[in-house]
Amino acid sequence: MSLFGVLTVVFVVLKLTGVISWSWLLVLLPLLPVIIMQIISMIFIHQASRKIKKSSSKW
């Protein structure tokens, strides 16, 4: 589990136990970098697969 995952779990536990009174947006904020990296990776893989398909169709 990454640092962002650990932070998210810690913040959720603290929120559910009432130790912190942050909004859920702030509690789940550590997930944002992970989600952004996954979206960027998916776009990159999609573009690479399209390029491979185009180059293989020329044969």
PDB file of N, CA and C in Angstrom:
ATOM      1  N   MET A   1       0.856  -1.173   0.000  1.00  0.00           N
ATOM      2  CA  MET A   1       0.000   0.000   0.000  1.00  0.00           C
ATOM      3  C   MET A   1       0.899   1.231   0.000  1.00  0.00           C
ATOM      4  N   SER A   2       0.526   2.198  -0.806  1.00  0.00           N
ATOM      5  CA  SER A   2       1.337   3.404  -0.937  1.00  0.00           C
ATOM      6  C   SER A   2       1.103   4.350   0.243  1.00  0.00           C
ATOM      7  N   LEU A   3       1.905   5.374   0.284  1.00  0.00           N
ATOM      8  CA  LEU A   3       1.761   6.386   1.320  1.00  0.00           C
ATOM      9  C   LEU A   3       0.388   7.042   1.249  1.00  0.00           C
ATOM     10  N   PHE A   4      -0.082   7.293   0.021  1.00  0.00           N
ATOM     11  CA  PHE A   4      -1.390   7.918  -0.145  1.00  0.00           C
ATOM     12  C   PHE A   4      -2.506   7.003   0.365  1.00  0.00           C
ATOM     13  N   GLY A   5      -2.367   5.710   0.144  1.00  0.00           N
ATOM     14  CA  GLY A   5      -3.353   4.756   0.635  1.00  0.00           C
ATOM     15  C   GLY A   5      -3.383   4.707   2.157  1.00  0.00           C
ATOM     16  N   VAL A   6      -2.208   4.711   2.750  1.00  0.00           N
ATOM     17  CA  VAL A   6      -2.118   4.689   4.218  1.00  0.00           C
ATOM     18  C   VAL A   6      -2.732   5.955   4.804  1.00  0.00           C
ATOM     19  N   LEU A   7      -2.407   7.106   4.207  1.00  0.00           N
ATOM     20  CA  LEU A   7      -2.980   8.361   4.697  1.00  0.00           C
ATOM     21  C   LEU A   7      -4.504   8.361   4.594  1.00  0.00           C
ATOM     22  N   THR A   8      -5.015   7.838   3.500  1.00  0.00           N
ATOM     23  CA  THR A   8      -6.458   7.793   3.323  1.00  0.00           C
ATOM     24  C   THR A   8      -7.110   6.921   4.387  1.00  0.00           C
ATOM     25  N   VAL A   9      -6.539   5.754   4.627  1.00  0.00           N
ATOM     26  CA  VAL A   9      -7.093   4.857   5.651  1.00  0.00           C
ATOM     27  C   VAL A   9      -7.041   5.518   7.022  1.00  0.00           C
ATOM     28  N   VAL A  10      -5.935   6.138   7.351  1.00  0.00           N
ATOM     29  CA  VAL A  10      -5.800   6.812   8.650  1.00  0.00           C
ATOM     30  C   VAL A  10      -6.837   7.929   8.777  1.00  0.00           C
ATOM     31  N   PHE A  11      -6.975   8.758   7.735  1.00  0.00           N
ATOM     32  CA  PHE A  11      -7.933   9.859   7.796  1.00  0.00           C
ATOM     33  C   PHE A  11      -9.371   9.362   7.897  1.00  0.00           C
ATOM     34  N   VAL A  12      -9.706   8.291   7.179  1.00  0.00           N
ATOM     35  CA  VAL A  12     -11.069   7.744   7.257  1.00  0.00           C
ATOM     36  C   VAL A  12     -11.355   7.210   8.652  1.00  0.00           C
ATOM     37  N   VAL A  13     -10.397   6.499   9.237  1.00  0.00           N
ATOM     38  CA  VAL A  13     -10.586   5.969  10.597  1.00  0.00           C
ATOM     39  C   VAL A  13     -10.758   7.121  11.584  1.00  0.00           C
ATOM     40  N   LEU A  14      -9.921   8.161  11.457  1.00  0.00           N
ATOM     41  CA  LEU A  14     -10.043   9.306  12.357  1.00  0.00           C
ATOM     42  C   LEU A  14     -11.382  10.020  12.172  1.00  0.00           C
ATOM     43  N   LYS A  15     -11.838  10.104  10.944  1.00  0.00           N
ATOM     44  CA  LYS A  15     -13.132  10.752  10.675  1.00  0.00           C
ATOM     45  C   LYS A  15     -14.281   9.935  11.265  1.00  0.00           C
ATOM     46  N   LEU A  16     -14.250   8.623  11.053  1.00  0.00           N
ATOM     47  CA  LEU A  16     -15.335   7.774  11.550  1.00  0.00           C
ATOM     48  C   LEU A  16     -15.362   7.676  13.071  1.00  0.00           C
ATOM     49  N   THR A  17     -14.208   7.807  13.712  1.00  0.00           N
ATOM     50  CA  THR A  17     -14.177   7.760  15.175  1.00  0.00           C
ATOM     51  C   THR A  17     -14.435   9.120  15.805  1.00  0.00           C
ATOM     52  N   GLY A  18     -14.545  10.155  14.977  1.00  0.00           N
ATOM     53  CA  GLY A  18     -14.861  11.477  15.504  1.00  0.00           C
ATOM     54  C   GLY A  18     -13.679  12.265  15.997  1.00  0.00           C
ATOM     55  N   VAL A  19     -12.470  11.797  15.748  1.00  0.00           N
ATOM     56  CA  VAL A  19     -11.276  12.505  16.202  1.00  0.00           C
ATOM     57  C   VAL A  19     -11.076  13.784  15.396  1.00  0.00           C
ATOM     58  N   ILE A  20     -11.365  13.723  14.104  1.00  0.00           N
ATOM     59  CA  ILE A  20     -11.275  14.911  13.260  1.00  0.00           C
ATOM     60  C   ILE A  20     -12.663  15.221  12.700  1.00  0.00           C
ATOM     61  N   SER A  21     -12.906  16.488  12.450  1.00  0.00           N
ATOM     62  CA  SER A  21     -14.219  16.886  11.919  1.00  0.00           C
ATOM     63  C   SER A  21     -14.069  17.509  10.533  1.00  0.00           C
ATOM     64  N   TRP A  22     -13.096  17.033   9.784  1.00  0.00           N
ATOM     65  CA  TRP A  22     -12.872  17.536   8.425  1.00  0.00           C
ATOM     66  C   TRP A  22     -14.018  17.092   7.520  1.00  0.00           C
ATOM     67  N   SER A  23     -14.148  17.781   6.400  1.00  0.00           N
ATOM     68  CA  SER A  23     -15.123  17.346   5.410  1.00  0.00           C
ATOM     69  C   SER A  23     -14.598  16.072   4.742  1.00  0.00           C
ATOM     70  N   TRP A  24     -15.515  15.320   4.126  1.00  0.00           N
ATOM     71  CA  TRP A  24     -15.106  14.088   3.456  1.00  0.00           C
ATOM     72  C   TRP A  24     -14.184  14.380   2.278  1.00  0.00           C
ATOM     73  N   LEU A  25     -14.327  15.547   1.688  1.00  0.00           N
ATOM     74  CA  LEU A  25     -13.436  15.936   0.584  1.00  0.00           C
ATOM     75  C   LEU A  25     -11.987  15.984   1.059  1.00  0.00           C
ATOM     76  N   LEU A  26     -11.758  16.578   2.206  1.00  0.00           N
ATOM     77  CA  LEU A  26     -10.396  16.642   2.748  1.00  0.00           C
ATOM     78  C   LEU A  26      -9.892  15.268   3.177  1.00  0.00           C
ATOM     79  N   VAL A  27     -10.786  14.453   3.710  1.00  0.00           N
ATOM     80  CA  VAL A  27     -10.402  13.115   4.160  1.00  0.00           C
ATOM     81  C   VAL A  27      -9.939  12.262   2.977  1.00  0.00           C
ATOM     82  N   LEU A  28     -10.644  12.380   1.844  1.00  0.00           N
ATOM     83  CA  LEU A  28     -10.336  11.561   0.668  1.00  0.00           C
ATOM     84  C   LEU A  28      -9.333  12.222  -0.275  1.00  0.00           C
ATOM     85  N   LEU A  29      -8.845  13.399   0.053  1.00  0.00           N
ATOM     86  CA  LEU A  29      -7.918  14.132  -0.803  1.00  0.00           C
ATOM     87  C   LEU A  29      -6.626  13.372  -1.123  1.00  0.00           C
ATOM     88  N   PRO A  30      -6.078  12.558  -0.211  1.00  0.00           N
ATOM     89  CA  PRO A  30      -4.858  11.816  -0.574  1.00  0.00           C
ATOM     90  C   PRO A  30      -5.053  10.848  -1.742  1.00  0.00           C
ATOM     91  N   LEU A  31      -6.291  10.508  -2.081  1.00  0.00           N
ATOM     92  CA  LEU A  31      -6.530   9.624  -3.224  1.00  0.00           C
ATOM     93  C   LEU A  31      -6.374  10.348  -4.555  1.00  0.00           C
ATOM     94  N   LEU A  32      -6.428  11.667  -4.545  1.00  0.00           N
ATOM     95  CA  LEU A  32      -6.398  12.436  -5.780  1.00  0.00           C
ATOM     96  C   LEU A  32      -5.137  12.181  -6.620  1.00  0.00           C
ATOM     97  N   PRO A  33      -3.927  12.205  -6.055  1.00  0.00           N
ATOM     98  CA  PRO A  33      -2.747  11.919  -6.890  1.00  0.00           C
ATOM     99  C   PRO A  33      -2.782  10.520  -7.515  1.00  0.00           C
ATOM    100  N   VAL A  34      -3.295   9.569  -6.787  1.00  0.00           N
ATOM    101  CA  VAL A  34      -3.383   8.200  -7.310  1.00  0.00           C
ATOM    102  C   VAL A  34      -4.342   8.147  -8.488  1.00  0.00           C
ATOM    103  N   ILE A  35      -5.494   8.786  -8.347  1.00  0.00           N
ATOM    104  CA  ILE A  35      -6.486   8.801  -9.422  1.00  0.00           C
ATOM    105  C   ILE A  35      -5.939   9.517 -10.647  1.00  0.00           C
ATOM    106  N   ILE A  36      -5.262  10.637 -10.447  1.00  0.00           N
ATOM    107  CA  ILE A  36      -4.690  11.380 -11.567  1.00  0.00           C
ATOM    108  C   ILE A  36      -3.649  10.540 -12.295  1.00  0.00           C
ATOM    109  N   MET A  37      -2.792   9.854 -11.562  1.00  0.00           N
ATOM    110  CA  MET A  37      -1.769   9.014 -12.198  1.00  0.00           C
ATOM    111  C   MET A  37      -2.405   7.864 -12.968  1.00  0.00           C
ATOM    112  N   GLN A  38      -3.478   7.295 -12.460  1.00  0.00           N
ATOM    113  CA  GLN A  38      -4.157   6.217 -13.171  1.00  0.00           C
ATOM    114  C   GLN A  38      -4.795   6.725 -14.461  1.00  0.00           C
ATOM    115  N   ILE A  39      -5.382   7.902 -14.419  1.00  0.00           N
ATOM    116  CA  ILE A  39      -5.983   8.467 -15.631  1.00  0.00           C
ATOM    117  C   ILE A  39      -4.912   8.754 -16.666  1.00  0.00           C
ATOM    118  N   ILE A  40      -3.789   9.331 -16.251  1.00  0.00           N
ATOM    119  CA  ILE A  40      -2.694   9.606 -17.182  1.00  0.00           C
ATOM    120  C   ILE A  40      -2.164   8.311 -17.782  1.00  0.00           C
ATOM    121  N   SER A  41      -2.026   7.286 -16.969  1.00  0.00           N
ATOM    122  CA  SER A  41      -1.546   5.989 -17.462  1.00  0.00           C
ATOM    123  C   SER A  41      -2.516   5.391 -18.470  1.00  0.00           C
ATOM    124  N   MET A  42      -3.805   5.486 -18.196  1.00  0.00           N
ATOM    125  CA  MET A  42      -4.797   4.943 -19.117  1.00  0.00           C
ATOM    126  C   MET A  42      -4.770   5.685 -20.453  1.00  0.00           C
ATOM    127  N   ILE A  43      -4.614   7.000 -20.420  1.00  0.00           N
ATOM    128  CA  ILE A  43      -4.534   7.782 -21.658  1.00  0.00           C
ATOM    129  C   ILE A  43      -3.288   7.392 -22.444  1.00  0.00           C
ATOM    130  N   PHE A  44      -2.166   7.252 -21.765  1.00  0.00           N
ATOM    131  CA  PHE A  44      -0.918   6.876 -22.423  1.00  0.00           C
ATOM    132  C   PHE A  44      -1.034   5.493 -23.070  1.00  0.00           C
ATOM    133  N   ILE A  45      -1.589   4.547 -22.352  1.00  0.00           N
ATOM    134  CA  ILE A  45      -1.742   3.184 -22.892  1.00  0.00           C
ATOM    135  C   ILE A  45      -2.700   3.188 -24.075  1.00  0.00           C
ATOM    136  N   HIS A  46      -3.761   3.954 -23.992  1.00  0.00           N
ATOM    137  CA  HIS A  46      -4.715   4.036 -25.093  1.00  0.00           C
ATOM    138  C   HIS A  46      -4.047   4.610 -26.342  1.00  0.00           C
ATOM    139  N   GLN A  47      -3.286   5.681 -26.163  1.00  0.00           N
ATOM    140  CA  GLN A  47      -2.616   6.297 -27.305  1.00  0.00           C
ATOM    141  C   GLN A  47      -1.570   5.358 -27.894  1.00  0.00           C
ATOM    142  N   ALA A  48      -0.831   4.663 -27.058  1.00  0.00           N
ATOM    143  CA  ALA A  48       0.183   3.732 -27.543  1.00  0.00           C
ATOM    144  C   ALA A  48      -0.454   2.570 -28.299  1.00  0.00           C
ATOM    145  N   SER A  49      -1.584   2.073 -27.809  1.00  0.00           N
ATOM    146  CA  SER A  49      -2.240   0.955 -28.501  1.00  0.00           C
ATOM    147  C   SER A  49      -2.795   1.397 -29.847  1.00  0.00           C
ATOM    148  N   ARG A  50      -3.297   2.621 -29.944  1.00  0.00           N
ATOM    149  CA  ARG A  50      -3.771   3.134 -31.227  1.00  0.00           C
ATOM    150  C   ARG A  50      -2.629   3.255 -32.216  1.00  0.00           C
ATOM    151  N   LYS A  51      -1.477   3.706 -31.746  1.00  0.00           N
ATOM    152  CA  LYS A  51      -0.310   3.857 -32.622  1.00  0.00           C
ATOM    153  C   LYS A  51       0.173   2.495 -33.107  1.00  0.00           C
ATOM    154  N   ILE A  52       0.162   1.508 -32.224  1.00  0.00           N
ATOM    155  CA  ILE A  52       0.587   0.153 -32.602  1.00  0.00           C
ATOM    156  C   ILE A  52      -0.387  -0.429 -33.624  1.00  0.00           C
ATOM    157  N   LYS A  53      -1.681  -0.229 -33.418  1.00  0.00           N
ATOM    158  CA  LYS A  53      -2.674  -0.746 -34.358  1.00  0.00           C
ATOM    159  C   LYS A  53      -2.523  -0.098 -35.732  1.00  0.00           C
ATOM    160  N   LYS A  54      -2.254   1.196 -35.765  1.00  0.00           N
ATOM    161  CA  LYS A  54      -2.072   1.899 -37.036  1.00  0.00           C
ATOM    162  C   LYS A  54      -0.849   1.373 -37.773  1.00  0.00           C
ATOM    163  N   SER A  55       0.247   1.171 -37.035  1.00  0.00           N
ATOM    164  CA  SER A  55       1.473   0.713 -37.699  1.00  0.00           C
ATOM    165  C   SER A  55       1.361  -0.740 -38.136  1.00  0.00           C
ATOM    166  N   SER A  56       0.616  -1.559 -37.431  1.00  0.00           N
ATOM    167  CA  SER A  56       0.477  -2.966 -37.822  1.00  0.00           C
ATOM    168  C   SER A  56      -0.509  -3.141 -38.972  1.00  0.00           C
ATOM    169  N   SER A  57      -1.435  -2.181 -39.160  1.00  0.00           N
ATOM    170  CA  SER A  57      -2.392  -2.305 -40.249  1.00  0.00           C
ATOM    171  C   SER A  57      -1.761  -1.980 -41.603  1.00  0.00           C
ATOM    172  N   LYS A  58      -0.603  -1.331 -41.614  1.00  0.00           N
ATOM    173  CA  LYS A  58       0.084  -1.004 -42.871  1.00  0.00           C
ATOM    174  C   LYS A  58       0.713  -2.237 -43.504  1.00  0.00           C
ATOM    175  N   TRP A  59       0.943  -3.272 -42.721  1.00  0.00           N
ATOM    176  CA  TRP A  59       1.591  -4.476 -43.241  1.00  0.00           C
ATOM    177  C   TRP A  59       0.572  -5.246 -43.996  1.00  0.00           C
TER     178      TRP A  59
END
